[in-house]
C-alpha atoms as a PDB file:
ATOM      1  CA  UNK A   1       1.950   8.222  27.047  1.00  0.00           C
ATOM      2  CA  UNK A   2       2.012  10.740  24.176  1.00  0.00           C
ATOM      3  CA  UNK A   3       4.943   9.016  22.491  1.00  0.00           C
ATOM      4  CA  UNK A   4       3.452   5.581  23.087  1.00  0.00           C
ATOM      5  CA  UNK A   5       0.246   6.557  21.308  1.00  0.00           C
ATOM      6  CA  UNK A   6       2.192   8.426  18.625  1.00  0.00           C
ATOM      7  CA  UNK A   7       4.228   5.285  17.945  1.00  0.00           C
ATOM      8  CA  UNK A   8       1.065   3.254  17.414  1.00  0.00           C
ATOM      9  CA  UNK A   9      -0.518   5.844  15.121  1.00  0.00           C
ATOM     10  CA  UNK A  10       2.684   6.381  13.127  1.00  0.00           C
ATOM     11  CA  UNK A  11       3.025   2.645  12.591  1.00  0.00           C
ATOM     12  CA  UNK A  12      -0.577   2.343  11.393  1.00  0.00           C
ATOM     13  CA  UNK A  13      -0.080   5.195   8.914  1.00  0.00           C
ATOM     14  CA  UNK A  14       3.086   3.536   7.621  1.00  0.00           C
ATOM     15  CA  UNK A  15       1.259   0.246   7.132  1.00  0.00           C
ATOM     16  CA  UNK A  16      -1.499   2.005   5.200  1.00  0.00           C
ATOM     17  CA  UNK A  17       0.966   3.739   2.872  1.00  0.00           C
ATOM     18  CA  UNK A  18       2.863   0.497   2.270  1.00  0.00           C
ATOM     19  CA  UNK A  19      -0.342  -1.374   1.512  1.00  0.00           C
ATOM     20  CA  UNK A  20      -1.403   1.293  -0.964  1.00  0.00           C
ATOM     21  CA  UNK A  21       2.021   1.192  -2.612  1.00  0.00           C
ATOM     22  CA  UNK A  22       2.014  -2.584  -3.045  1.00  0.00           C
ATOM     23  CA  UNK A  23      -1.366  -2.402  -4.786  1.00  0.00           C
ATOM     24  CA  UNK A  24      -0.330   0.445  -7.086  1.00  0.00           C
ATOM     25  CA  UNK A  25      -2.846   2.841  -5.569  1.00  0.00           C
ATOM     26  CA  UNK A  26      -0.147   5.514  -5.276  1.00  0.00           C
ATOM     27  CA  UNK A  27       1.263   6.638  -8.615  1.00  0.00           C
ATOM     28  CA  UNK A  28      -0.371   3.859 -10.629  1.00  0.00           C
ATOM     29  CA  UNK A  29       2.440   1.293 -10.317  1.00  0.00           C
ATOM     30  CA  UNK A  30       3.606  -0.971  -7.528  1.00  0.00           C
ATOM     31  CA  UNK A  31       6.868  -0.346  -5.709  1.00  0.00           C
ATOM     32  CA  UNK A  32       8.365  -3.486  -7.241  1.00  0.00           C
ATOM     33  CA  UNK A  33       7.266  -2.515 -10.760  1.00  0.00           C
ATOM     34  CA  UNK A  34       9.101   0.789 -10.503  1.00  0.00           C
ATOM     35  CA  UNK A  35      12.197  -0.934  -9.153  1.00  0.00           C
ATOM     36  CA  UNK A  36      12.158  -3.540 -11.934  1.00  0.00           C
ATOM     37  CA  UNK A  37      11.931  -0.805 -14.568  1.00  0.00           C
ATOM     38  CA  UNK A  38      15.614  -0.055 -14.023  1.00  0.00           C
ATOM     39  CA  UNK A  39      18.375  -2.501 -15.032  1.00  0.00           C
ATOM     40  CA  UNK A  40      20.088  -2.190 -11.655  1.00  0.00           C
ATOM     41  CA  UNK A  41      22.109  -5.346 -11.076  1.00  0.00           C
ATOM     42  CA  UNK A  42      22.239  -4.849  -7.303  1.00  0.00           C
ATOM     43  CA  UNK A  43      18.451  -5.275  -7.074  1.00  0.00           C
ATOM     44  CA  UNK A  44      17.521  -8.720  -5.648  1.00  0.00           C
ATOM     45  CA  UNK A  45      14.835 -11.088  -6.948  1.00  0.00           C
ATOM     46  CA  UNK A  46      11.234 -10.117  -6.248  1.00  0.00           C
ATOM     47  CA  UNK A  47      10.706 -12.787  -3.587  1.00  0.00           C
ATOM     48  CA  UNK A  48      13.370 -11.145  -1.423  1.00  0.00           C
ATOM     49  CA  UNK A  49      11.069  -8.189  -0.800  1.00  0.00           C
ATOM     50  CA  UNK A  50       8.817 -10.475   1.226  1.00  0.00           C
ATOM     51  CA  UNK A  51      11.162  -9.576   4.077  1.00  0.00           C
ATOM     52  CA  UNK A  52       8.918  -6.551   4.585  1.00  0.00           C
ATOM     53  CA  UNK A  53       6.376  -8.946   6.097  1.00  0.00           C
ATOM     54  CA  UNK A  54       8.967  -9.997   8.671  1.00  0.00           C
ATOM     55  CA  UNK A  55       9.929  -6.382   9.325  1.00  0.00           C
ATOM     56  CA  UNK A  56       6.366  -5.231   9.877  1.00  0.00           C
ATOM     57  CA  UNK A  57       5.528  -8.212  12.065  1.00  0.00           C
ATOM     58  CA  UNK A  58       8.556  -7.360  14.177  1.00  0.00           C
ATOM     59  CA  UNK A  59       7.605  -3.698  14.357  1.00  0.00           C
ATOM     60  CA  UNK A  60       4.033  -4.654  15.238  1.00  0.00           C
ATOM     61  CA  UNK A  61       5.408  -6.724  18.120  1.00  0.00           C
ATOM     62  CA  UNK A  62       7.484  -3.730  19.227  1.00  0.00           C
ATOM     63  CA  UNK A  63       4.548  -1.316  18.994  1.00  0.00           C
ATOM     64  CA  UNK A  64       2.290  -3.595  21.025  1.00  0.00           C
ATOM     65  CA  UNK A  65       5.005  -4.330  23.584  1.00  0.00           C
ATOM     66  CA  UNK A  66       5.830  -0.669  24.165  1.00  0.00           C
ATOM     67  CA  UNK A  67       2.258   0.106  25.284  1.00  0.00           C
ATOM     68  CA  UNK A  68       1.986  -2.884  27.617  1.00  0.00           C
ATOM     69  CA  UNK A  69       2.932  -2.525  31.313  1.00  0.00           C
ATOM     70  CA  UNK A  70       6.225  -4.373  30.768  1.00  0.00           C
ATOM     71  CA  UNK A  71       7.100  -2.057  27.900  1.00  0.00           C
ATOM     72  CA  UNK A  72       6.140   1.024  29.872  1.00  0.00           C
ATOM     73  CA  UNK A  73       8.580  -0.047  32.580  1.00  0.00           C
ATOM     74  CA  UNK A  74      11.344  -0.611  30.039  1.00  0.00           C
ATOM     75  CA  UNK A  75      13.523   2.501  30.239  1.00  0.00           C
ATOM     76  CA  UNK A  76      15.240   1.666  26.941  1.00  0.00           C
ATOM     77  CA  UNK A  77      12.054   2.263  24.990  1.00  0.00           C
ATOM     78  CA  UNK A  78      11.655   5.846  26.157  1.00  0.00           C
ATOM     79  CA  UNK A  79      14.957   6.556  24.402  1.00  0.00           C
ATOM     80  CA  UNK A  80      13.709   5.452  21.003  1.00  0.00           C
ATOM     81  CA  UNK A  81       9.971   6.178  20.753  1.00  0.00           C
ATOM     82  CA  UNK A  82      10.432   9.674  19.217  1.00  0.00           C
ATOM     83  CA  UNK A  83      12.972   8.267  16.773  1.00  0.00           C
ATOM     84  CA  UNK A  84      10.619   5.439  15.868  1.00  0.00           C
ATOM     85  CA  UNK A  85       7.896   7.953  15.015  1.00  0.00           C
ATOM     86  CA  UNK A  86      10.416   9.844  12.877  1.00  0.00           C
ATOM     87  CA  UNK A  87      11.389   6.616  11.110  1.00  0.00           C
ATOM     88  CA  UNK A  88       7.725   6.058  10.242  1.00  0.00           C
ATOM     89  CA  UNK A  89       7.553   9.570   8.792  1.00  0.00           C
ATOM     90  CA  UNK A  90      10.603   8.905   6.616  1.00  0.00           C
ATOM     91  CA  UNK A  91       9.221   5.525   5.553  1.00  0.00           C
ATOM     92  CA  UNK A  92       5.823   6.917   4.543  1.00  0.00           C
ATOM     93  CA  UNK A  93       7.182   9.968   2.735  1.00  0.00           C
ATOM     94  CA  UNK A  94       9.731   7.798   0.933  1.00  0.00           C
ATOM     95  CA  UNK A  95       6.854   5.757  -0.467  1.00  0.00           C
ATOM     96  CA  UNK A  96       5.157   8.897  -1.771  1.00  0.00           C
ATOM     97  CA  UNK A  97       8.374  10.124  -3.402  1.00  0.00           C
ATOM     98  CA  UNK A  98       9.245   6.727  -4.886  1.00  0.00           C
ATOM     99  CA  UNK A  99       5.757   6.022  -6.221  1.00  0.00           C
ATOM    100  CA  UNK A 100       5.737   9.405  -7.959  1.00  0.00           C
ATOM    101  CA  UNK A 101       9.272   8.780  -9.270  1.00  0.00           C
ATOM    102  CA  UNK A 102      10.919  11.639  -7.405  1.00  0.00           C
ATOM    103  CA  UNK A 103      14.046   9.548  -7.100  1.00  0.00           C
ATOM    104  CA  UNK A 104      16.442  12.219  -5.837  1.00  0.00           C
ATOM    105  CA  UNK A 105      13.995  13.108  -3.065  1.00  0.00           C
ATOM    106  CA  UNK A 106      13.469   9.423  -2.314  1.00  0.00           C
ATOM    107  CA  UNK A 107      17.231   9.089  -1.821  1.00  0.00           C
ATOM    108  CA  UNK A 108      17.283  11.893   0.736  1.00  0.00           C
ATOM    109  CA  UNK A 109      14.343  10.350   2.586  1.00  0.00           C
ATOM    110  CA  UNK A 110      15.986   6.922   2.499  1.00  0.00           C
ATOM    111  CA  UNK A 111      19.146   8.395   4.002  1.00  0.00           C
ATOM    112  CA  UNK A 112      17.002  10.012   6.687  1.00  0.00           C
ATOM    113  CA  UNK A 113      15.401   6.651   7.450  1.00  0.00           C
ATOM    114  CA  UNK A 114      18.793   4.946   7.546  1.00  0.00           C
ATOM    115  CA  UNK A 115      20.213   7.577   9.903  1.00  0.00           C
ATOM    116  CA  UNK A 116      17.173   7.363  12.179  1.00  0.00           C
ATOM    117  CA  UNK A 117      17.357   3.579  12.391  1.00  0.00           C
ATOM    118  CA  UNK A 118      21.083   3.787  13.080  1.00  0.00           C
ATOM    119  CA  UNK A 119      20.348   6.207  15.925  1.00  0.00           C
ATOM    120  CA  UNK A 120      17.737   3.811  17.342  1.00  0.00           C
ATOM    121  CA  UNK A 121      20.222   0.954  17.024  1.00  0.00           C
ATOM    122  CA  UNK A 122      22.873   2.889  18.923  1.00  0.00           C
ATOM    123  CA  UNK A 123      20.515   4.129  21.628  1.00  0.00           C
ATOM    124  CA  UNK A 124      19.374   0.578  22.260  1.00  0.00           C
ATOM    125  CA  UNK A 125      23.043  -0.460  22.417  1.00  0.00           C
ATOM    126  CA  UNK A 126      22.213  -3.589  20.464  1.00  0.00           C
ATOM    127  CA  UNK A 127      24.994  -6.129  20.833  1.00  0.00           C
ATOM    128  CA  UNK A 128      26.754  -4.051  23.483  1.00  0.00           C
ATOM    129  CA  UNK A 129      24.557  -4.886  26.449  1.00  0.00           C
ATOM    130  CA  UNK A 130      22.890  -8.162  27.480  1.00  0.00           C
ATOM    131  CA  UNK A 131      19.268  -8.457  26.390  1.00  0.00           C
ATOM    132  CA  UNK A 132      16.446 -10.422  27.975  1.00  0.00           C
ATOM    133  CA  UNK A 133      14.440 -12.809  25.828  1.00  0.00           C
ATOM    134  CA  UNK A 134      11.589 -10.334  25.455  1.00  0.00           C
ATOM    135  CA  UNK A 135      13.951  -7.507  24.536  1.00  0.00           C
ATOM    136  CA  UNK A 136      15.676  -9.633  21.921  1.00  0.00           C
ATOM    137  CA  UNK A 137      12.491 -10.732  20.160  1.00  0.00           C
ATOM    138  CA  UNK A 138      10.414  -7.576  20.623  1.00  0.00           C
ATOM    139  CA  UNK A 139      13.001  -4.790  20.419  1.00  0.00           C
ATOM    140  CA  UNK A 140      16.533  -5.681  19.329  1.00  0.00           C
ATOM    141  CA  UNK A 141      15.610  -8.261  16.707  1.00  0.00           C
ATOM    142  CA  UNK A 142      13.034  -6.157  14.845  1.00  0.00           C
ATOM    143  CA  UNK A 143      15.318  -3.130  14.615  1.00  0.00           C
ATOM    144  CA  UNK A 144      18.351  -5.206  13.596  1.00  0.00           C
ATOM    145  CA  UNK A 145      16.383  -6.730  10.721  1.00  0.00           C
ATOM    146  CA  UNK A 146      14.920  -3.348   9.754  1.00  0.00           C
ATOM    147  CA  UNK A 147      18.332  -1.647   9.742  1.00  0.00           C
ATOM    148  CA  UNK A 148      19.854  -4.522   7.785  1.00  0.00           C
ATOM    149  CA  UNK A 149      17.254  -4.280   5.044  1.00  0.00           C
ATOM    150  CA  UNK A 150      17.369  -0.493   4.832  1.00  0.00           C
ATOM    151  CA  UNK A 151      21.164  -0.716   4.508  1.00  0.00           C
ATOM    152  CA  UNK A 152      20.632  -2.833   1.386  1.00  0.00           C
ATOM    153  CA  UNK A 153      17.753  -0.668   0.155  1.00  0.00           C
ATOM    154  CA  UNK A 154      19.858   2.482   0.459  1.00  0.00           C
ATOM    155  CA  UNK A 155      22.495   1.063  -1.878  1.00  0.00           C
ATOM    156  CA  UNK A 156      19.838  -0.041  -4.374  1.00  0.00           C
ATOM    157  CA  UNK A 157      18.083   3.336  -4.149  1.00  0.00           C
ATOM    158  CA  UNK A 158      21.347   5.126  -4.898  1.00  0.00           C
ATOM    159  CA  UNK A 159      21.822   2.969  -7.999  1.00  0.00           C
ATOM    160  CA  UNK A 160      18.349   3.883  -9.255  1.00  0.00           C
ATOM    161  CA  UNK A 161      19.007   7.581  -8.665  1.00  0.00           C
ATOM    162  CA  UNK A 162      22.246   7.424 -10.654  1.00  0.00           C
ATOM    163  CA  UNK A 163      20.642   5.480 -13.488  1.00  0.00           C
ATOM    164  CA  UNK A 164      17.616   7.789 -13.660  1.00  0.00           C
ATOM    165  CA  UNK A 165      20.031  10.720 -13.887  1.00  0.00           C
ATOM    166  CA  UNK A 166      21.631   9.155 -16.948  1.00  0.00           C
ATOM    167  CA  UNK A 167      24.727   7.598 -15.362  1.00  0.00           C
ATOM    168  CA  UNK A 168      25.358   4.135 -16.775  1.00  0.00           C
ATOM    169  CA  UNK A 169      29.019   3.793 -15.842  1.00  0.00           C
ATOM    170  CA  UNK A 170      30.490   1.049 -13.730  1.00  0.00           C
ATOM    171  CA  UNK A 171      28.295  -1.777 -14.948  1.00  0.00           C
ATOM    172  CA  UNK A 172      29.131  -5.237 -13.680  1.00  0.00           C
ATOM    173  CA  UNK A 173      32.413  -4.266 -11.942  1.00  0.00           C
ATOM    174  CA  UNK A 174      30.561  -1.581  -9.978  1.00  0.00           C
ATOM    175  CA  UNK A 175      27.927  -4.114  -8.968  1.00  0.00           C
ATOM    176  CA  UNK A 176      30.613  -6.466  -7.680  1.00  0.00           C
ATOM    177  CA  UNK A 177      32.039  -3.601  -5.618  1.00  0.00           C
ATOM    178  CA  UNK A 178      28.612  -2.946  -4.104  1.00  0.00           C
ATOM    179  CA  UNK A 179      28.250  -6.635  -3.268  1.00  0.00           C
ATOM    180  CA  UNK A 180      31.615  -6.441  -1.515  1.00  0.00           C
ATOM    181  CA  UNK A 181      30.432  -3.372   0.407  1.00  0.00           C
ATOM    182  CA  UNK A 182      27.323  -5.241   1.581  1.00  0.00           C
ATOM    183  CA  UNK A 183      29.459  -8.190   2.664  1.00  0.00           C
ATOM    184  CA  UNK A 184      31.843  -5.958   4.595  1.00  0.00           C
ATOM    185  CA  UNK A 185      28.877  -4.292   6.304  1.00  0.00           C
ATOM    186  CA  UNK A 186      27.660  -7.676   7.497  1.00  0.00           C
ATOM    187  CA  UNK A 187      31.125  -8.608   8.742  1.00  0.00           C
ATOM    188  CA  UNK A 188      31.451  -5.278  10.540  1.00  0.00           C
ATOM    189  CA  UNK A 189      28.179  -5.743  12.407  1.00  0.00           C
ATOM    190  CA  UNK A 190      29.174  -9.289  13.338  1.00  0.00           C
ATOM    191  CA  UNK A 191      32.549  -8.111  14.585  1.00  0.00           C
ATOM    192  CA  UNK A 192      31.475  -4.933  16.373  1.00  0.00           C
ATOM    193  CA  UNK A 193      27.989  -5.895  17.598  1.00  0.00           C
ATOM    194  CA  UNK A 194      27.877  -9.680  17.170  1.00  0.00           C
ATOM    195  CA  UNK A 195      24.598  -9.022  15.362  1.00  0.00           C
ATOM    196  CA  UNK A 196      23.561 -12.207  13.597  1.00  0.00           C
ATOM    197  CA  UNK A 197      20.113 -10.822  12.728  1.00  0.00           C
ATOM    198  CA  UNK A 198      21.603  -7.941  10.721  1.00  0.00           C
ATOM    199  CA  UNK A 199      24.040 -10.247   8.928  1.00  0.00           C
ATOM    200  CA  UNK A 200      21.339 -12.773   8.014  1.00  0.00           C
ATOM    201  CA  UNK A 201      19.366 -10.021   6.283  1.00  0.00           C
ATOM    202  CA  UNK A 202      22.393  -9.323   4.100  1.00  0.00           C
ATOM    203  CA  UNK A 203      22.722 -13.049   3.367  1.00  0.00           C
ATOM    204  CA  UNK A 204      19.057 -13.065   2.295  1.00  0.00           C
ATOM    205  CA  UNK A 205      19.625 -10.055   0.023  1.00  0.00           C
ATOM    206  CA  UNK A 206      22.868 -11.356  -1.499  1.00  0.00           C
ATOM    207  CA  UNK A 207      21.332 -14.725  -2.360  1.00  0.00           C
ATOM    208  CA  UNK A 208      18.428 -12.824  -3.939  1.00  0.00           C
ATOM    209  CA  UNK A 209      20.858 -10.777  -6.029  1.00  0.00           C
ATOM    210  CA  UNK A 210      22.493 -14.010  -7.205  1.00  0.00           C
ATOM    211  CA  UNK A 211      19.117 -15.507  -8.156  1.00  0.00           C
ATOM    212  CA  UNK A 212      18.054 -12.425 -10.111  1.00  0.00           C
ATOM    213  CA  UNK A 213      21.385 -12.199 -11.940  1.00  0.00           C
ATOM    214  CA  UNK A 214      22.059 -15.885 -12.530  1.00  0.00           C
ATOM    215  CA  UNK A 215      22.670 -15.101 -16.191  1.00  0.00           C
ATOM    216  CA  UNK A 216      25.597 -12.862 -15.186  1.00  0.00           C
ATOM    217  CA  UNK A 217      28.011 -15.364 -13.596  1.00  0.00           C
ATOM    218  CA  UNK A 218      30.477 -12.885 -12.117  1.00  0.00           C
ATOM    219  CA  UNK A 219      27.673 -11.072 -10.276  1.00  0.00           C
ATOM    220  CA  UNK A 220      25.853 -14.232  -9.190  1.00  0.00           C
ATOM    221  CA  UNK A 221      29.003 -15.936  -7.924  1.00  0.00           C
ATOM    222  CA  UNK A 222      30.229 -12.789  -6.188  1.00  0.00           C
ATOM    223  CA  UNK A 223      26.914 -12.462  -4.360  1.00  0.00           C
ATOM    224  CA  UNK A 224      26.943 -16.141  -3.383  1.00  0.00           C
ATOM    225  CA  UNK A 225      30.529 -15.808  -2.185  1.00  0.00           C
ATOM    226  CA  UNK A 226      29.591 -12.832  -0.026  1.00  0.00           C
ATOM    227  CA  UNK A 227      26.635 -14.732   1.421  1.00  0.00           C
ATOM    228  CA  UNK A 228      28.798 -17.808   2.054  1.00  0.00           C
ATOM    229  CA  UNK A 229      31.422 -15.746   3.877  1.00  0.00           C
ATOM    230  CA  UNK A 230      28.782 -14.268   6.169  1.00  0.00           C
ATOM    231  CA  UNK A 231      27.220 -17.676   6.854  1.00  0.00           C
ATOM    232  CA  UNK A 232      30.667 -19.103   7.613  1.00  0.00           C
ATOM    233  CA  UNK A 233      31.464 -16.339  10.094  1.00  0.00           C
ATOM    234  CA  UNK A 234      28.049 -16.722  11.730  1.00  0.00           C
ATOM    235  CA  UNK A 235      28.645 -20.461  12.021  1.00  0.00           C
ATOM    236  CA  UNK A 236      32.090 -19.954  13.538  1.00  0.00           C
ATOM    237  CA  UNK A 237      30.611 -17.702  16.178  1.00  0.00           C
ATOM    238  CA  UNK A 238      28.285 -20.546  17.034  1.00  0.00           C
ATOM    239  CA  UNK A 239      25.939 -18.541  19.220  1.00  0.00           C
ATOM    240  CA  UNK A 240      23.278 -15.839  19.326  1.00  0.00           C
ATOM    241  CA  UNK A 241      25.292 -13.123  21.083  1.00  0.00           C
ATOM    242  CA  UNK A 242      22.380 -10.932  22.110  1.00  0.00           C
ATOM    243  CA  UNK A 243      20.953 -13.802  24.133  1.00  0.00           C
ATOM    244  CA  UNK A 244      24.260 -15.185  25.355  1.00  0.00           C
ATOM    245  CA  UNK A 245      24.245 -13.391  28.695  1.00  0.00           C
ATOM    246  CA  UNK A 246      20.590 -12.619  29.346  1.00  0.00           C
ATOM    247  CA  UNK A 247      19.651 -10.129  31.989  1.00  0.00           C
ATOM    248  CA  UNK A 248      16.735 -10.630  34.306  1.00  0.00           C
ATOM    249  CA  UNK A 249      13.321  -9.571  33.107  1.00  0.00           C
END
């Protein structure tokens, strides 16, 4: 019960910090304004960040589910509640660091969040074991989307850290390499975990990168190519693997 309540409280605190950040109440500027201050090509268009609404709705569903009787009986959730609380700590402290432009610290916190979400992902064995409908929508799906977005955000955060430190090397070729890395990540998760949710997040981000950098053809077309490859592979799979062999419950 302690971890169930802690999960609820940690999520509420995270929501509060994110709300404050989006209004500029922390540090005087919004999260997006700080991001847009750097000419980082890998950053997607502003509309792409609306994915946070999807992420938080998914996490809200998870938080509510894990305190309900069905969630209390779900042994998988006991494996990840402490890690979920830790992920909320990393998320909230990242906001504080980012809003105050402590970019090196924000990078460390982002890596901590990424590692924590990866641990949750592995403990849930997403894509490795059959999932019921409720588990897919209330547990697996939310964390797949969250991990997918934080994978993208980690790359973008690293670019900001390098730029703020005075490194301007690489330019467009480096951005194309990062787009290729994101595409390979999506392909890896499709191949190893059959995780369409994760891959679709990368498609969303890559299209957003193309939109933001439409004036730089090589970047825009590379991002669209990466997105098209992922969509093609998803289409060839022709199924939602995590629901393909549902278990009872």
